[in-house]
Structure formats: structure tokens, C-alpha cells
PDB file of N, CA and C in Angstrom:
ATOM      1  N   UNK A   1       0.814  -1.177  -0.118  1.00  0.00           N
ATOM      2  CA  UNK A   1       0.166   0.082   0.351  1.00  0.00           C
ATOM      3  C   UNK A   1       0.713   1.167   0.097  1.00  0.00           C
ATOM      4  N   UNK A   2       0.628   1.982  -1.269  1.00  0.00           N
ATOM      5  CA  UNK A   2       1.637   3.387  -1.262  1.00  0.00           C
ATOM      6  C   UNK A   2       1.939   4.505  -0.160  1.00  0.00           C
ATOM      7  N   UNK A   3       1.883   5.015   1.047  1.00  0.00           N
ATOM      8  CA  UNK A   3       1.912   6.349   1.318  1.00  0.00           C
ATOM      9  C   UNK A   3       1.598   7.178   1.098  1.00  0.00           C
ATOM     10  N   UNK A   4       0.340   8.300   1.421  1.00  0.00           N
ATOM     11  CA  UNK A   4      -0.043   9.442   1.107  1.00  0.00           C
ATOM     12  C   UNK A   4       0.330  10.623   1.529  1.00  0.00           C
ATOM     13  N   UNK A   5       0.748  11.432   0.881  1.00  0.00           N
ATOM     14  CA  UNK A   5       1.951  12.692   0.625  1.00  0.00           C
ATOM     15  C   UNK A   5       1.250  13.667   0.056  1.00  0.00           C
ATOM     16  N   UNK A   6       1.589  14.826   1.275  1.00  0.00           N
ATOM     17  CA  UNK A   6       0.806  15.912   0.116  1.00  0.00           C
ATOM     18  C   UNK A   6       1.648  16.865   0.165  1.00  0.00           C
ATOM     19  N   UNK A   7       2.564  18.173  -0.719  1.00  0.00           N
ATOM     20  CA  UNK A   7       3.139  18.580  -0.970  1.00  0.00           C
ATOM     21  C   UNK A   7       2.803  19.964  -0.964  1.00  0.00           C
ATOM     22  N   UNK A   8       2.845  21.264  -0.686  1.00  0.00           N
ATOM     23  CA  UNK A   8       2.753  22.987  -1.509  1.00  0.00           C
ATOM     24  C   UNK A   8       3.682  23.934  -0.893  1.00  0.00           C
ATOM     25  N   UNK A   9       3.108  24.748  -2.138  1.00  0.00           N
ATOM     26  CA  UNK A   9       4.699  25.981  -1.970  1.00  0.00           C
ATOM     27  C   UNK A   9       3.613  27.238  -1.552  1.00  0.00           C
ATOM     28  N   UNK A  10       3.793  27.869  -0.766  1.00  0.00           N
ATOM     29  CA  UNK A  10       3.699  29.079  -1.124  1.00  0.00           C
ATOM     30  C   UNK A  10       4.454  29.987  -1.088  1.00  0.00           C
ATOM     31  N   UNK A  11       3.832  31.001  -1.993  1.00  0.00           N
ATOM     32  CA  UNK A  11       4.581  32.670  -1.751  1.00  0.00           C
ATOM     33  C   UNK A  11       4.177  33.455  -2.066  1.00  0.00           C
ATOM     34  N   UNK A  12       4.774  34.873  -1.439  1.00  0.00           N
ATOM     35  CA  UNK A  12       5.078  36.909  -1.043  1.00  0.00           C
ATOM     36  C   UNK A  12       5.937  36.948  -1.406  1.00  0.00           C
ATOM     37  N   UNK A  13       6.133  37.878  -2.218  1.00  0.00           N
ATOM     38  CA  UNK A  13       7.494  38.742  -2.648  1.00  0.00           C
ATOM     39  C   UNK A  13       8.490  37.742  -2.343  1.00  0.00           C
ATOM     40  N   UNK A  14       9.841  37.977  -1.328  1.00  0.00           N
ATOM     41  CA  UNK A  14      10.900  37.549  -1.612  1.00  0.00           C
ATOM     42  C   UNK A  14      10.426  35.808  -0.140  1.00  0.00           C
ATOM     43  N   UNK A  15       9.553  35.733   0.456  1.00  0.00           N
ATOM     44  CA  UNK A  15       9.203  35.243   1.655  1.00  0.00           C
ATOM     45  C   UNK A  15       8.120  33.495   0.335  1.00  0.00           C
ATOM     46  N   UNK A  16       9.099  32.331   1.194  1.00  0.00           N
ATOM     47  CA  UNK A  16       8.918  30.864   0.089  1.00  0.00           C
ATOM     48  C   UNK A  16       8.479  30.232   1.279  1.00  0.00           C
ATOM     49  N   UNK A  17       7.526  29.819   1.553  1.00  0.00           N
ATOM     50  CA  UNK A  17       6.944  28.756   2.149  1.00  0.00           C
ATOM     51  C   UNK A  17       6.738  26.914   1.698  1.00  0.00           C
ATOM     52  N   UNK A  18       7.066  26.257   2.234  1.00  0.00           N
ATOM     53  CA  UNK A  18       6.921  25.085   1.505  1.00  0.00           C
ATOM     54  C   UNK A  18       6.901  23.852   2.855  1.00  0.00           C
ATOM     55  N   UNK A  19       6.197  22.813   2.587  1.00  0.00           N
ATOM     56  CA  UNK A  19       4.779  22.659   4.279  1.00  0.00           C
ATOM     57  C   UNK A  19       5.009  21.005   2.778  1.00  0.00           C
ATOM     58  N   UNK A  20       5.013  19.969   3.658  1.00  0.00           N
ATOM     59  CA  UNK A  20       4.875  18.562   3.286  1.00  0.00           C
ATOM     60  C   UNK A  20       3.802  18.082   4.579  1.00  0.00           C
ATOM     61  N   UNK A  21       3.277  17.227   3.859  1.00  0.00           N
ATOM     62  CA  UNK A  21       2.093  16.658   5.401  1.00  0.00           C
ATOM     63  C   UNK A  21       2.245  15.250   4.233  1.00  0.00           C
ATOM     64  N   UNK A  22       3.112  14.237   5.597  1.00  0.00           N
ATOM     65  CA  UNK A  22       3.211  12.471   5.621  1.00  0.00           C
ATOM     66  C   UNK A  22       2.365  11.922   7.353  1.00  0.00           C
ATOM     67  N   UNK A  23       1.736  10.524   6.922  1.00  0.00           N
ATOM     68  CA  UNK A  23       0.785  10.479   7.186  1.00  0.00           C
ATOM     69  C   UNK A  23       1.711   9.893   8.832  1.00  0.00           C
ATOM     70  N   UNK A  24       1.506  10.301  10.081  1.00  0.00           N
ATOM     71  CA  UNK A  24       2.424  10.183  10.963  1.00  0.00           C
ATOM     72  C   UNK A  24       1.437  10.662  12.310  1.00  0.00           C
ATOM     73  N   UNK A  25       2.023  10.769  13.592  1.00  0.00           N
ATOM     74  CA  UNK A  25       1.849  10.580  14.730  1.00  0.00           C
ATOM     75  C   UNK A  25       1.116  12.305  15.545  1.00  0.00           C
ATOM     76  N   UNK A  26       0.837  13.450  14.153  1.00  0.00           N
ATOM     77  CA  UNK A  26       0.975  14.294  14.489  1.00  0.00           C
ATOM     78  C   UNK A  26       2.177  15.515  15.471  1.00  0.00           C
ATOM     79  N   UNK A  27       3.669  15.291  14.543  1.00  0.00           N
ATOM     80  CA  UNK A  27       4.561  16.274  15.484  1.00  0.00           C
ATOM     81  C   UNK A  27       4.702  17.472  13.534  1.00  0.00           C
ATOM     82  N   UNK A  28       4.891  18.638  13.808  1.00  0.00           N
ATOM     83  CA  UNK A  28       4.984  19.242  13.642  1.00  0.00           C
ATOM     84  C   UNK A  28       6.585  20.054  13.396  1.00  0.00           C
ATOM     85  N   UNK A  29       6.868  20.302  12.497  1.00  0.00           N
ATOM     86  CA  UNK A  29       8.285  20.193  12.093  1.00  0.00           C
ATOM     87  C   UNK A  29       8.979  21.463  11.751  1.00  0.00           C
ATOM     88  N   UNK A  30       9.512  22.287  11.879  1.00  0.00           N
ATOM     89  CA  UNK A  30       9.841  24.406  11.359  1.00  0.00           C
ATOM     90  C   UNK A  30      11.239  23.924  11.097  1.00  0.00           C
ATOM     91  N   UNK A  31      12.154  24.214  10.150  1.00  0.00           N
ATOM     92  CA  UNK A  31      13.104  24.498   9.666  1.00  0.00           C
ATOM     93  C   UNK A  31      13.842  23.682  10.942  1.00  0.00           C
ATOM     94  N   UNK A  32      13.712  22.214  10.717  1.00  0.00           N
ATOM     95  CA  UNK A  32      14.162  21.830  11.048  1.00  0.00           C
ATOM     96  C   UNK A  32      14.038  21.678  12.929  1.00  0.00           C
ATOM     97  N   UNK A  33      13.197  22.417  12.974  1.00  0.00           N
ATOM     98  CA  UNK A  33      12.282  22.193  14.271  1.00  0.00           C
ATOM     99  C   UNK A  33      11.660  21.616  15.198  1.00  0.00           C
ATOM    100  N   UNK A  34      11.392  20.679  16.335  1.00  0.00           N
ATOM    101  CA  UNK A  34      10.099  21.234  16.890  1.00  0.00           C
ATOM    102  C   UNK A  34       9.147  22.480  16.623  1.00  0.00           C
ATOM    103  N   UNK A  35       7.267  22.365  17.217  1.00  0.00           N
ATOM    104  CA  UNK A  35       6.812  23.740  17.064  1.00  0.00           C
ATOM    105  C   UNK A  35       7.297  24.159  18.520  1.00  0.00           C
ATOM    106  N   UNK A  36       7.495  23.505  19.727  1.00  0.00           N
ATOM    107  CA  UNK A  36       8.132  23.934  20.510  1.00  0.00           C
ATOM    108  C   UNK A  36       8.578  24.890  20.378  1.00  0.00           C
ATOM    109  N   UNK A  37       9.760  24.065  20.410  1.00  0.00           N
ATOM    110  CA  UNK A  37      11.240  25.206  20.024  1.00  0.00           C
ATOM    111  C   UNK A  37      11.705  25.946  19.157  1.00  0.00           C
ATOM    112  N   UNK A  38      10.523  26.374  18.069  1.00  0.00           N
ATOM    113  CA  UNK A  38      10.205  27.320  17.161  1.00  0.00           C
ATOM    114  C   UNK A  38       9.739  28.431  17.377  1.00  0.00           C
ATOM    115  N   UNK A  39       8.103  28.170  17.926  1.00  0.00           N
ATOM    116  CA  UNK A  39       7.512  29.292  18.724  1.00  0.00           C
ATOM    117  C   UNK A  39       7.944  29.211  20.248  1.00  0.00           C
ATOM    118  N   UNK A  40       7.796  30.322  20.613  1.00  0.00           N
ATOM    119  CA  UNK A  40       7.854  30.733  22.291  1.00  0.00           C
ATOM    120  C   UNK A  40       6.233  30.682  22.148  1.00  0.00           C
ATOM    121  N   UNK A  41       5.906  31.635  21.470  1.00  0.00           N
ATOM    122  CA  UNK A  41       4.452  32.117  21.999  1.00  0.00           C
ATOM    123  C   UNK A  41       3.060  31.066  21.521  1.00  0.00           C
ATOM    124  N   UNK A  42       2.273  30.461  23.040  1.00  0.00           N
ATOM    125  CA  UNK A  42       1.146  29.623  22.793  1.00  0.00           C
ATOM    126  C   UNK A  42       0.713  29.881  21.804  1.00  0.00           C
ATOM    127  N   UNK A  43      -0.071  31.055  21.495  1.00  0.00           N
ATOM    128  CA  UNK A  43      -1.140  31.654  20.267  1.00  0.00           C
ATOM    129  C   UNK A  43      -0.837  31.561  19.284  1.00  0.00           C
ATOM    130  N   UNK A  44       0.465  31.886  18.888  1.00  0.00           N
ATOM    131  CA  UNK A  44       1.418  31.615  17.247  1.00  0.00           C
ATOM    132  C   UNK A  44       1.893  29.280  17.694  1.00  0.00           C
ATOM    133  N   UNK A  45       1.089  28.974  17.922  1.00  0.00           N
ATOM    134  CA  UNK A  45       1.420  27.030  18.114  1.00  0.00           C
ATOM    135  C   UNK A  45      -0.023  27.089  17.426  1.00  0.00           C
ATOM    136  N   UNK A  46      -0.937  27.782  18.548  1.00  0.00           N
ATOM    137  CA  UNK A  46      -2.247  27.691  18.699  1.00  0.00           C
ATOM    138  C   UNK A  46      -3.520  28.078  17.214  1.00  0.00           C
ATOM    139  N   UNK A  47      -1.897  28.888  16.410  1.00  0.00           N
ATOM    140  CA  UNK A  47      -2.474  29.568  14.618  1.00  0.00           C
ATOM    141  C   UNK A  47      -1.842  28.149  13.938  1.00  0.00           C
ATOM    142  N   UNK A  48      -1.061  27.630  13.843  1.00  0.00           N
ATOM    143  CA  UNK A  48      -0.325  26.512  13.223  1.00  0.00           C
ATOM    144  C   UNK A  48      -0.990  25.621  13.226  1.00  0.00           C
ATOM    145  N   UNK A  49      -1.299  25.519  14.872  1.00  0.00           N
ATOM    146  CA  UNK A  49      -2.429  23.298  15.127  1.00  0.00           C
ATOM    147  C   UNK A  49      -4.141  24.267  14.292  1.00  0.00           C
ATOM    148  N   UNK A  50      -4.905  25.085  13.906  1.00  0.00           N
ATOM    149  CA  UNK A  50      -5.762  24.784  13.393  1.00  0.00           C
ATOM    150  C   UNK A  50      -6.555  24.448  12.704  1.00  0.00           C
ATOM    151  N   UNK A  51      -5.992  24.665  11.432  1.00  0.00           N
ATOM    152  CA  UNK A  51      -6.511  23.800  10.438  1.00  0.00           C
ATOM    153  C   UNK A  51      -6.411  22.703   9.926  1.00  0.00           C
ATOM    154  N   UNK A  52      -5.288  21.896  11.085  1.00  0.00           N
ATOM    155  CA  UNK A  52      -5.590  20.864  10.810  1.00  0.00           C
ATOM    156  C   UNK A  52      -6.303  19.591  12.578  1.00  0.00           C
ATOM    157  N   UNK A  53      -6.749  21.430  12.723  1.00  0.00           N
ATOM    158  CA  UNK A  53      -8.459  21.047  14.197  1.00  0.00           C
ATOM    159  C   UNK A  53      -9.273  20.861  14.064  1.00  0.00           C
ATOM    160  N   UNK A  54      -9.634  21.841  12.786  1.00  0.00           N
ATOM    161  CA  UNK A  54     -10.984  22.127  11.706  1.00  0.00           C
ATOM    162  C   UNK A  54     -10.522  21.502  11.308  1.00  0.00           C
ATOM    163  N   UNK A  55      -9.853  20.396  10.224  1.00  0.00           N
ATOM    164  CA  UNK A  55     -10.273  19.560   9.313  1.00  0.00           C
ATOM    165  C   UNK A  55     -10.137  18.068  10.033  1.00  0.00           C
ATOM    166  N   UNK A  56      -9.773  18.592  11.411  1.00  0.00           N
ATOM    167  CA  UNK A  56     -10.231  17.024  11.857  1.00  0.00           C
ATOM    168  C   UNK A  56      -8.935  15.846  11.451  1.00  0.00           C
ATOM    169  N   UNK A  57      -7.997  17.028  11.487  1.00  0.00           N
ATOM    170  CA  UNK A  57      -6.497  15.584  10.913  1.00  0.00           C
ATOM    171  C   UNK A  57      -5.515  15.551  12.346  1.00  0.00           C
ATOM    172  N   UNK A  58      -5.208  16.400  13.045  1.00  0.00           N
ATOM    173  CA  UNK A  58      -4.331  16.622  14.332  1.00  0.00           C
ATOM    174  C   UNK A  58      -4.136  15.677  14.572  1.00  0.00           C
ATOM    175  N   UNK A  59      -2.635  15.100  14.470  1.00  0.00           N
ATOM    176  CA  UNK A  59      -2.656  13.256  15.096  1.00  0.00           C
ATOM    177  C   UNK A  59      -2.401  12.882  14.109  1.00  0.00           C
ATOM    178  N   UNK A  60      -2.572  12.967  12.335  1.00  0.00           N
ATOM    179  CA  UNK A  60      -3.298  11.691  11.992  1.00  0.00           C
ATOM    180  C   UNK A  60      -1.334  12.053  11.142  1.00  0.00           C
ATOM    181  N   UNK A  61      -1.045  13.523  10.641  1.00  0.00           N
ATOM    182  CA  UNK A  61       0.063  13.104   9.597  1.00  0.00           C
ATOM    183  C   UNK A  61       1.180  14.943  10.986  1.00  0.00           C
ATOM    184  N   UNK A  62       2.036  14.205  10.060  1.00  0.00           N
ATOM    185  CA  UNK A  62       2.993  15.122  10.140  1.00  0.00           C
ATOM    186  C   UNK A  62       3.476  16.255  10.010  1.00  0.00           C
ATOM    187  N   UNK A  63       3.704  17.073  10.178  1.00  0.00           N
ATOM    188  CA  UNK A  63       3.799  17.830   9.287  1.00  0.00           C
ATOM    189  C   UNK A  63       5.513  19.279   8.985  1.00  0.00           C
ATOM    190  N   UNK A  64       5.365  19.194   7.987  1.00  0.00           N
ATOM    191  CA  UNK A  64       7.352  18.703   7.981  1.00  0.00           C
ATOM    192  C   UNK A  64       6.940  20.358   7.221  1.00  0.00           C
ATOM    193  N   UNK A  65       7.528  21.861   7.379  1.00  0.00           N
ATOM    194  CA  UNK A  65       7.512  23.055   7.326  1.00  0.00           C
ATOM    195  C   UNK A  65       9.332  23.068   6.908  1.00  0.00           C
ATOM    196  N   UNK A  66       9.083  24.199   5.689  1.00  0.00           N
ATOM    197  CA  UNK A  66      11.034  24.795   5.300  1.00  0.00           C
ATOM    198  C   UNK A  66      10.264  26.370   4.761  1.00  0.00           C
ATOM    199  N   UNK A  67      10.524  27.934   5.623  1.00  0.00           N
ATOM    200  CA  UNK A  67      10.290  28.671   5.283  1.00  0.00           C
ATOM    201  C   UNK A  67      11.299  29.623   5.339  1.00  0.00           C
ATOM    202  N   UNK A  68      11.129  30.235   4.569  1.00  0.00           N
ATOM    203  CA  UNK A  68      12.664  31.433   3.844  1.00  0.00           C
ATOM    204  C   UNK A  68      11.801  32.990   4.028  1.00  0.00           C
ATOM    205  N   UNK A  69      13.178  33.769   4.251  1.00  0.00           N
ATOM    206  CA  UNK A  69      12.574  35.082   3.602  1.00  0.00           C
ATOM    207  C   UNK A  69      11.706  35.571   4.535  1.00  0.00           C
ATOM    208  N   UNK A  70      10.650  36.515   3.879  1.00  0.00           N
ATOM    209  CA  UNK A  70       9.553  37.711   4.183  1.00  0.00           C
ATOM    210  C   UNK A  70      10.975  38.507   5.676  1.00  0.00           C
TER     211      UNK A  70
END
């Protein structure tokens, strides 16, 4: 059985965000660092998790994000 993987790229001016969703345990990694290490404020962590919570996919996918610029 093949593994489902979703890739997306978002651009604005010189900023680029590359996101990859892979089946997993709900880990969120941003620029090779866990979300708790990358963001200090709980409100920022909540904003990142909100789309996954609304679509009921939090805990089903690992999120790997690479962001540059901006």
C-alpha cells in the first residue's frame, strides 16, 4: 500500500513556505526544529495547529515545513 503525501508551496514577495504532510503522529517540524522550540508563544502554536484541528487531521499527519525570507 502506497503512502499518501501532500506537498504545497506558498509564495509572497520574497518569502517562500514549503509544506509537506505525511502520515504520522502529529509532529510539527519547522525548519528542522519542533514547533515548541521554534515558537515561544502559545498563540502562534495555536495558529499553526488550527487548520489541522478544524479538518480533524491533527494527530494523523506529520507536518514538515521549510520557510525562508520575509
